[in-house]
Amino acid sequence: MRAILAASLLMASLVHGGAVAAECPPGALGVARTIVVDPREHARIGAMQYNETLPLNDREVVLTFDDGPVPRHTGSVLETLASECTKATFFMVGQMANAYPAMVRRVHDEGHTIANHSQTHPFTFSRMSVPQAAAQIEGGFASLRAALGDPDAVAPFFRIPGLLRQDSVEQYLAAHGVMTWSVDVVADDWTHINAAEIARRAVSRLEARGKGVLLLHDIHEKTAVALPEILKELKARGFKIVHVVPAAPDRPKTATTPEQWAAHVPERGLWPRVVVTDMATSAPALTVPSPTSFGVADPPGPAVALSLAPGFKHMPLQPGEVSRAPWPRPNYWAPATAGLFAVPAAQNFQYSHVFAGPHRDTTGVAARKRVASSPAHGVRAKASNRSSPRVTSPFGGSRTASPPRLFGHQL
């Protein structure tokens, strides 16, 4: 009887496993690999704020979701992830776990990582005292463990609400063996943008960085709507999903090197590039462009040499002539040697004349002021009724002339 029961159970498990495999379509995104991390060795990760981030290879992405669970939207996110057979890390709020413990268990049972996002999600972590922060941190862990009924089912990962960090809080987390998570890439899904824009920002920013930890929120309907498009684009662009779990006695950490954790590495193709020395090379040469450089063997018409000479005065054109001089044109201040680029001179970067605004005669005004303030007149006389000179604007109307004002470059 026991043998029959055991065989029945084995058959049921095989059938169930086959059903799960059948639900996963061919070519699904899946999970490329799982990284096992030791929070005691790497206490803070995330390129947006820290010098270390997860040791990802090029075109690897870690999906993370904050602020849940909310049954309607978290459930939609889980269905999308299941359709691509991939996994994520959910940073849950303690009071949300208290309200929806069944959803916390569903996230865990479907193989995702459960992490802590504080008890009530206050935006004051940057100015909290350590005891206040500790109450939020430990309260969140207690709520998640109570919802799951298993203390070991919650990863020792914590993301500070709003990423509003401070050293004392991070030191508390590190002292208690908890890894502080920041992010590498955000999709701005908490702002007033639609699902299409969330997907565009997520994919384009991952493409620009080449890899990273992506922050999303499973409490927004628009994020749940954007997620299928995000996964579709990541798959089309050759990205792979990486799942992250904490080390345990039966699960040793993934072997890595310190360089793999470095958050800010030079992007490929950017300056400065590595220069190989002790190589025999010819002297660099740069030929001055000519009409033939642009496929013009015989330029039509007369060639008139023009350049910016001192004072911005150009050589005059004769009637009927057209400016078609080959580049670079001769500089009349310091003619260039044929075949070489002319070195810019000071006159190429300054105005020869300083322009001034309209002038007026202020002699009469000054004289009247002196007379009015003289002791012989006693009380200061009223200003003369004589009006100040007016200047006509070229755009219409007139105004009282103002003192001269210089403008323009004065090198």
Protein backbone atom coordinates (compact mmCIF):
# COMPACT_ATOMS: atom_id res chain seq x y z
CA MET A 1 0.00 0.00 0.00
CA ARG A 2 2.81 2.37 0.90
CA ALA A 3 4.53 1.56 -2.40
CA ILE A 4 1.36 2.38 -4.34
CA LEU A 5 0.95 5.65 -2.45
CA ALA A 6 4.56 6.64 -3.07
CA ALA A 7 4.21 5.85 -6.76
CA SER A 8 1.03 7.91 -6.93
CA LEU A 9 2.74 10.88 -5.31
CA LEU A 10 5.70 10.58 -7.67
CA MET A 11 3.41 10.46 -10.68
CA ALA A 12 1.49 13.51 -9.44
CA SER A 13 4.69 15.48 -8.99
CA LEU A 14 5.88 14.57 -12.46
CA VAL A 15 2.57 15.56 -13.99
CA HIS A 16 2.59 18.83 -12.07
CA GLY A 17 6.17 19.55 -13.09
CA GLY A 18 5.30 18.85 -16.70
CA ALA A 19 2.37 21.25 -16.48
CA VAL A 20 4.62 23.99 -15.13
CA ALA A 21 7.12 23.35 -17.91
CA ALA A 22 4.33 23.40 -20.49
CA GLU A 23 3.15 26.78 -19.18
CA CYS A 24 6.58 28.22 -19.90
CA PRO A 25 6.58 29.03 -23.63
CA PRO A 26 9.57 28.28 -25.86
CA GLY A 27 12.00 31.19 -25.96
CA ALA A 28 10.85 32.60 -22.62
CA LEU A 29 13.17 35.06 -20.91
CA GLY A 30 13.76 32.75 -17.96
CA VAL A 31 16.55 33.18 -15.41
CA ALA A 32 20.05 33.15 -16.82
CA ARG A 33 21.69 32.51 -13.46
CA THR A 34 21.28 32.96 -9.71
CA ILE A 35 23.74 35.03 -7.68
CA VAL A 36 24.16 34.10 -4.02
CA VAL A 37 25.43 37.06 -1.97
CA ASP A 38 26.82 37.41 1.54
CA PRO A 39 25.52 40.67 3.10
CA ARG A 40 28.36 40.63 5.63
CA GLU A 41 30.90 41.07 2.84
CA HIS A 42 29.01 43.60 0.70
CA ALA A 43 26.83 45.74 2.95
CA ARG A 44 25.72 48.36 0.40
CA ILE A 45 25.03 48.00 -3.31
CA GLY A 46 23.62 50.22 -6.03
CA ALA A 47 25.51 52.49 -8.42
CA MET A 48 23.17 55.43 -7.88
CA GLN A 49 24.50 55.93 -4.35
CA TYR A 50 27.33 53.52 -3.59
CA ASN A 51 30.70 52.43 -4.91
CA GLU A 52 29.57 48.82 -5.21
CA THR A 53 26.77 47.11 -7.05
CA LEU A 54 25.88 43.52 -7.84
CA PRO A 55 28.51 41.58 -9.83
CA LEU A 56 26.58 41.45 -13.08
CA ASN A 57 27.96 40.62 -16.48
CA ASP A 58 27.17 42.72 -19.52
CA ARG A 59 23.46 42.73 -20.43
CA GLU A 60 22.35 41.20 -17.15
CA VAL A 61 19.43 42.71 -15.23
CA VAL A 62 18.04 42.25 -11.72
CA LEU A 63 14.33 43.09 -11.46
CA THR A 64 13.17 44.64 -8.17
CA PHE A 65 9.71 45.82 -7.07
CA ASP A 66 8.99 48.15 -4.15
CA ASP A 67 6.09 49.13 -1.87
CA GLY A 68 3.77 46.12 -2.20
CA PRO A 69 2.05 43.89 -1.98
CA VAL A 70 -1.23 45.11 -3.49
CA PRO A 71 -3.20 42.04 -4.58
CA ARG A 72 -4.55 43.46 -7.84
CA HIS A 73 -1.32 44.90 -9.23
CA THR A 74 1.16 42.55 -7.54
CA GLY A 75 -0.87 39.64 -8.90
CA SER A 76 -0.66 41.06 -12.41
CA VAL A 77 3.10 41.49 -12.05
CA LEU A 78 3.43 37.88 -10.87
CA GLU A 79 1.46 36.62 -13.86
CA THR A 80 3.71 38.53 -16.25
CA LEU A 81 6.86 37.21 -14.59
CA ALA A 82 5.47 33.66 -14.68
CA SER A 83 4.66 33.97 -18.38
CA GLU A 84 8.36 34.59 -19.00
CA CYS A 85 9.48 32.09 -16.33
CA THR A 86 11.61 34.72 -14.63
CA LYS A 87 12.21 35.87 -11.05
CA ALA A 88 12.49 39.17 -9.16
CA THR A 89 13.14 40.62 -5.71
CA PHE A 90 10.16 42.22 -3.91
CA PHE A 91 10.91 44.86 -1.27
CA MET A 92 7.69 44.79 0.76
CA VAL A 93 6.30 47.23 3.32
CA GLY A 94 5.43 45.66 6.67
CA GLN A 95 1.95 47.15 7.02
CA MET A 96 1.12 45.97 3.48
CA ALA A 97 2.25 42.47 4.44
CA ASN A 98 0.00 42.62 7.51
CA ALA A 99 -2.92 43.59 5.28
CA TYR A 100 -2.29 40.99 2.55
CA PRO A 101 -0.36 38.03 4.02
CA ALA A 102 -1.71 35.64 1.39
CA MET A 103 -0.10 37.71 -1.36
CA VAL A 104 3.21 37.68 0.50
CA ARG A 105 3.04 33.90 0.61
CA ARG A 106 2.15 33.70 -3.08
CA VAL A 107 5.18 35.81 -4.05
CA HIS A 108 7.40 33.55 -1.97
CA ASP A 109 5.82 30.32 -3.20
CA GLU A 110 6.38 31.34 -6.82
CA GLY A 111 10.11 31.50 -6.16
CA HIS A 112 10.76 35.23 -5.80
CA THR A 113 12.94 36.83 -3.14
CA ILE A 114 11.13 38.58 -0.27
CA ALA A 115 12.98 41.62 1.16
CA ASN A 116 12.23 44.45 3.60
CA HIS A 117 11.18 48.03 2.75
CA SER A 118 10.40 49.22 6.33
CA GLN A 119 7.22 48.92 8.37
CA THR A 120 5.30 52.03 7.24
CA HIS A 121 7.45 53.52 4.42
CA PRO A 122 8.26 56.90 6.02
CA PHE A 123 10.19 59.46 3.98
CA THR A 124 12.27 60.50 6.98
CA PHE A 125 15.07 57.94 7.09
CA SER A 126 17.63 60.60 6.22
CA ARG A 127 16.93 62.44 9.49
CA MET A 128 15.77 59.66 11.82
CA SER A 129 17.61 58.69 14.94
CA VAL A 130 19.04 55.19 14.93
CA PRO A 131 16.40 53.89 17.40
CA GLN A 132 13.63 55.28 15.19
CA ALA A 133 15.13 53.69 12.09
CA ALA A 134 15.66 50.42 13.95
CA ALA A 135 11.97 50.31 14.87
CA GLN A 136 11.01 50.68 11.21
CA ILE A 137 13.56 48.12 10.05
CA GLU A 138 12.82 45.47 12.67
CA GLY A 139 9.09 46.07 12.41
CA GLY A 140 9.21 45.39 8.68
CA PHE A 141 11.13 42.17 9.15
CA ALA A 142 8.75 41.01 11.89
CA SER A 143 5.67 41.63 9.71
CA LEU A 144 7.14 39.77 6.73
CA ARG A 145 8.22 36.80 8.85
CA ALA A 146 4.83 36.64 10.47
CA ALA A 147 3.09 36.64 7.08
CA LEU A 148 5.30 33.82 5.82
CA GLY A 149 5.48 31.88 9.09
CA ASP A 150 9.18 31.22 8.47
CA PRO A 151 11.95 33.52 9.74
CA ASP A 152 14.40 32.18 7.18
CA ALA A 153 12.09 32.92 4.24
CA VAL A 154 12.85 36.68 4.35
CA ALA A 155 16.15 37.73 2.80
CA PRO A 156 18.38 40.04 4.88
CA PHE A 157 17.98 42.74 2.23
CA PHE A 158 16.69 46.26 2.96
CA ARG A 159 15.92 49.19 0.67
CA ILE A 160 15.53 52.58 2.36
CA PRO A 161 12.22 54.27 1.43
CA GLY A 162 12.83 57.01 -1.10
CA LEU A 163 16.53 56.04 -1.07
CA LEU A 164 16.88 58.71 1.65
CA ARG A 165 20.00 57.25 3.20
CA GLN A 166 22.24 58.29 6.05
CA ASP A 167 25.45 56.73 7.35
CA SER A 168 24.17 55.82 10.83
CA VAL A 169 21.23 53.83 9.43
CA GLU A 170 23.47 51.96 6.99
CA GLN A 171 25.91 51.21 9.80
CA TYR A 172 23.06 49.76 11.86
CA LEU A 173 21.98 47.55 8.96
CA ALA A 174 25.52 46.34 8.32
CA ALA A 175 26.04 45.57 12.01
CA HIS A 176 22.94 43.35 11.91
CA GLY A 177 24.02 41.49 8.77
CA VAL A 178 21.55 43.23 6.46
CA MET A 179 22.51 44.35 2.94
CA THR A 180 21.34 47.85 1.96
CA TRP A 181 20.07 47.96 -1.61
CA SER A 182 20.02 51.08 -3.71
CA VAL A 183 19.54 50.87 -7.50
CA ASP A 184 21.41 51.20 -10.77
CA VAL A 185 18.54 52.17 -13.08
CA VAL A 186 15.13 53.73 -12.41
CA ALA A 187 12.10 53.89 -14.68
CA ASP A 188 10.42 56.83 -12.87
CA ASP A 189 7.20 54.82 -12.58
CA TRP A 190 6.21 56.72 -9.42
CA THR A 191 5.90 59.96 -11.45
CA HIS A 192 3.05 61.10 -13.69
CA ILE A 193 4.05 59.20 -16.83
CA ASN A 194 2.17 56.49 -18.69
CA ALA A 195 3.03 52.83 -19.17
CA ALA A 196 4.65 53.33 -22.57
CA GLU A 197 7.01 55.95 -21.15
CA ILE A 198 7.87 53.73 -18.18
CA ALA A 199 8.86 50.95 -20.55
CA ARG A 200 10.84 53.33 -22.77
CA ARG A 201 12.81 54.79 -19.87
CA ALA A 202 13.52 51.42 -18.29
CA VAL A 203 14.83 49.82 -21.48
CA SER A 204 16.71 52.84 -22.82
CA ARG A 205 18.51 53.41 -19.51
CA LEU A 206 19.45 49.76 -19.19
CA GLU A 207 20.68 49.87 -22.78
CA ALA A 208 22.79 52.93 -22.01
CA ARG A 209 24.34 51.40 -18.90
CA GLY A 210 24.58 47.89 -20.32
CA LYS A 211 23.39 46.11 -17.16
CA GLY A 212 22.02 46.84 -13.71
CA VAL A 213 19.50 46.61 -10.90
CA LEU A 214 16.17 48.00 -12.15
CA LEU A 215 13.72 49.66 -9.75
CA LEU A 216 9.96 49.30 -10.36
CA HIS A 217 6.88 49.49 -8.11
CA ASP A 218 4.23 46.76 -7.97
CA ILE A 219 1.63 49.08 -6.44
CA HIS A 220 0.93 50.96 -9.70
CA GLU A 221 -1.37 49.71 -12.44
CA LYS A 222 0.72 51.46 -15.10
CA THR A 223 3.81 49.55 -13.97
CA ALA A 224 1.95 46.26 -14.28
CA VAL A 225 0.86 47.31 -17.77
CA ALA A 226 4.41 48.33 -18.73
CA LEU A 227 6.10 45.15 -17.47
CA PRO A 228 5.21 42.88 -20.45
CA GLU A 229 6.68 45.43 -22.86
CA ILE A 230 9.79 45.83 -20.72
CA LEU A 231 10.42 42.08 -20.68
CA LYS A 232 9.68 41.80 -24.38
CA GLU A 233 12.21 44.51 -25.23
CA LEU A 234 14.85 43.13 -22.88
CA LYS A 235 14.53 39.72 -24.51
CA ALA A 236 14.70 41.20 -28.02
CA ARG A 237 17.84 43.17 -27.11
CA GLY A 238 19.67 40.17 -25.67
CA PHE A 239 19.37 41.00 -21.96
CA LYS A 240 19.32 38.22 -19.37
CA ILE A 241 17.56 38.15 -16.00
CA VAL A 242 19.56 37.35 -12.86
CA HIS A 243 17.94 36.24 -9.59
CA VAL A 244 19.59 37.23 -6.29
CA VAL A 245 19.33 35.23 -3.05
CA PRO A 246 21.21 35.40 0.27
CA ALA A 247 23.85 32.90 1.29
CA ALA A 248 22.82 30.14 3.67
CA PRO A 249 24.50 27.10 5.29
CA ASP A 250 23.32 24.92 2.42
CA ARG A 251 23.78 27.64 -0.21
CA PRO A 252 27.34 29.01 -0.48
CA LYS A 253 27.98 32.45 -1.92
CA THR A 254 28.81 32.86 -5.61
CA ALA A 255 32.53 33.18 -6.24
CA THR A 256 33.37 36.70 -7.41
CA THR A 257 36.28 39.14 -7.51
CA PRO A 258 36.32 42.65 -5.98
CA GLU A 259 36.49 44.18 -9.46
CA GLN A 260 33.14 42.64 -10.36
CA TRP A 261 31.47 44.60 -7.55
CA ALA A 262 32.85 47.97 -8.66
CA ALA A 263 29.89 50.22 -9.49
CA HIS A 264 31.56 52.82 -11.69
CA VAL A 265 33.60 51.24 -14.44
CA PRO A 266 34.65 53.03 -17.65
CA GLU A 267 32.19 52.38 -20.43
CA ARG A 268 33.57 50.74 -23.52
CA GLY A 269 34.45 53.14 -26.30
CA LEU A 270 34.74 56.20 -24.05
CA TRP A 271 37.85 58.30 -23.51
CA PRO A 272 40.45 57.72 -22.16
CA ARG A 273 41.24 54.56 -24.05
CA VAL A 274 44.14 52.24 -23.31
CA VAL A 275 47.21 53.28 -25.29
CA VAL A 276 49.69 50.61 -26.30
CA THR A 277 53.25 51.94 -26.22
CA ASP A 278 56.50 50.75 -27.82
CA MET A 279 54.85 50.24 -31.17
CA ALA A 280 56.44 51.41 -34.40
CA THR A 281 54.08 53.89 -36.02
CA SER A 282 54.45 56.41 -38.77
CA ALA A 283 54.29 60.14 -38.07
CA PRO A 284 50.70 61.39 -37.97
CA ALA A 285 49.60 63.37 -41.00
CA LEU A 286 46.49 65.43 -41.61
CA THR A 287 45.94 66.74 -45.11
CA VAL A 288 44.13 70.00 -45.60
CA PRO A 289 40.77 69.36 -47.29
CA SER A 290 40.39 70.49 -50.89
CA PRO A 291 37.50 70.38 -53.39
CA THR A 292 38.65 66.92 -54.46
CA SER A 293 38.08 65.71 -50.89
CA PHE A 294 34.39 66.20 -51.51
CA GLY A 295 34.25 64.77 -55.03
CA VAL A 296 34.67 68.08 -56.86
CA ALA A 297 37.46 67.68 -59.38
CA ASP A 298 37.13 71.05 -61.11
CA PRO A 299 35.20 73.70 -59.14
CA PRO A 300 33.24 75.88 -61.58
CA GLY A 301 33.46 79.65 -61.64
CA PRO A 302 36.02 82.03 -60.18
CA ALA A 303 37.44 81.40 -56.71
CA VAL A 304 37.37 84.34 -54.32
CA ALA A 305 39.36 84.07 -51.10
CA LEU A 306 37.45 85.22 -48.01
CA SER A 307 38.43 85.13 -44.35
CA LEU A 308 37.83 86.91 -41.07
CA ALA A 309 40.54 89.55 -41.02
CA PRO A 310 41.02 92.05 -38.15
CA GLY A 311 37.92 94.16 -37.76
CA PHE A 312 35.74 91.52 -39.39
CA LYS A 313 36.38 93.18 -42.76
CA HIS A 314 36.16 90.85 -45.73
CA MET A 315 37.86 91.25 -49.04
CA PRO A 316 35.37 92.92 -51.38
CA LEU A 317 33.77 90.93 -54.17
CA GLN A 318 33.92 92.28 -57.65
CA PRO A 319 30.65 92.58 -59.58
CA GLY A 320 29.57 89.20 -60.86
CA GLU A 321 31.96 87.22 -58.65
CA VAL A 322 30.74 84.40 -56.39
CA SER A 323 32.45 83.19 -53.22
CA ARG A 324 33.48 79.60 -54.03
CA ALA A 325 36.94 79.53 -52.55
CA PRO A 326 38.29 76.12 -51.47
CA TRP A 327 38.61 75.57 -47.73
CA PRO A 328 40.63 76.61 -45.79
CA ARG A 329 40.69 80.07 -47.25
CA PRO A 330 43.86 82.17 -46.86
CA ASN A 331 44.05 84.34 -43.76
CA TYR A 332 45.13 87.83 -44.73
CA TRP A 333 46.50 88.54 -41.29
CA ALA A 334 48.79 85.51 -41.19
CA PRO A 335 48.69 83.61 -44.48
CA ALA A 336 48.82 79.85 -44.03
CA THR A 337 51.48 77.68 -45.58
CA ALA A 338 50.04 75.52 -48.33
CA GLY A 339 49.02 72.11 -47.11
CA LEU A 340 48.87 73.02 -43.41
CA PHE A 341 46.15 74.24 -41.09
CA ALA A 342 46.63 77.83 -39.95
CA VAL A 343 47.13 78.34 -36.23
CA PRO A 344 44.35 80.56 -34.81
CA ALA A 345 45.55 84.00 -33.77
CA ALA A 346 44.17 86.39 -31.16
CA GLN A 347 42.30 88.45 -33.73
CA ASN A 348 40.20 85.39 -34.62
CA PHE A 349 38.52 85.57 -31.21
CA GLN A 350 37.89 89.26 -30.53
CA TYR A 351 36.06 92.25 -31.83
CA SER A 352 38.20 95.03 -33.20
CA HIS A 353 35.65 97.66 -32.27
CA VAL A 354 33.81 98.19 -29.00
CA PHE A 355 30.26 99.24 -29.65
CA ALA A 356 28.67 101.92 -27.49
CA GLY A 357 25.11 102.98 -26.99
CA PRO A 358 23.73 106.46 -27.73
CA HIS A 359 25.52 109.41 -26.17
CA ARG A 360 24.04 112.56 -24.71
CA ASP A 361 25.40 115.80 -23.37
CA THR A 362 25.16 115.74 -19.59
CA THR A 363 27.09 118.96 -19.01
CA GLY A 364 23.94 121.08 -18.57
CA VAL A 365 22.40 118.68 -16.06
CA ALA A 366 25.54 118.61 -13.92
CA ALA A 367 25.76 122.40 -13.93
CA ARG A 368 22.16 122.77 -12.79
CA LYS A 369 22.76 120.32 -9.96
CA ARG A 370 25.77 122.29 -8.77
CA VAL A 371 23.85 125.55 -8.80
CA ALA A 372 20.82 124.09 -7.06
CA SER A 373 22.93 122.67 -4.24
CA SER A 374 25.11 125.72 -3.67
CA PRO A 375 24.85 127.53 -0.25
CA ALA A 376 23.86 130.77 -1.97
CA HIS A 377 20.52 129.33 -2.93
CA GLY A 378 19.66 128.08 0.57
CA VAL A 379 17.06 125.41 0.07
CA ARG A 380 17.81 123.20 -2.87
CA ALA A 381 15.93 124.33 -5.94
CA LYS A 382 13.55 122.12 -7.80
CA ALA A 383 14.79 120.37 -10.87
CA SER A 384 14.52 122.27 -14.10
CA ASN A 385 11.54 121.63 -16.34
CA ARG A 386 13.90 121.15 -19.22
CA SER A 387 13.42 117.61 -20.48
CA SER A 388 16.28 115.23 -21.11
CA PRO A 389 17.16 114.40 -24.68
CA ARG A 390 15.11 111.58 -26.15
CA VAL A 391 16.27 108.88 -28.51
CA THR A 392 14.11 107.43 -31.24
CA SER A 393 14.00 103.62 -31.31
CA PRO A 394 14.42 101.92 -34.70
CA PHE A 395 11.47 99.72 -33.70
CA GLY A 396 9.16 102.69 -33.16
CA GLY A 397 8.59 105.06 -30.23
CA SER A 398 11.17 106.94 -28.23
CA ARG A 399 12.78 106.87 -24.81
CA THR A 400 14.92 109.04 -22.59
CA ALA A 401 18.57 108.65 -23.47
CA SER A 402 20.55 106.62 -20.96
CA PRO A 403 24.26 106.90 -20.15
CA PRO A 404 26.69 105.20 -22.51
CA ARG A 405 26.92 101.46 -21.97
CA LEU A 406 29.59 99.28 -23.50
CA PHE A 407 28.78 95.85 -24.77
CA GLY A 408 30.43 93.17 -26.86
CA HIS A 409 33.66 91.26 -26.28
CA GLN A 410 36.54 93.34 -24.99
CA LEU A 411 39.48 90.96 -25.09
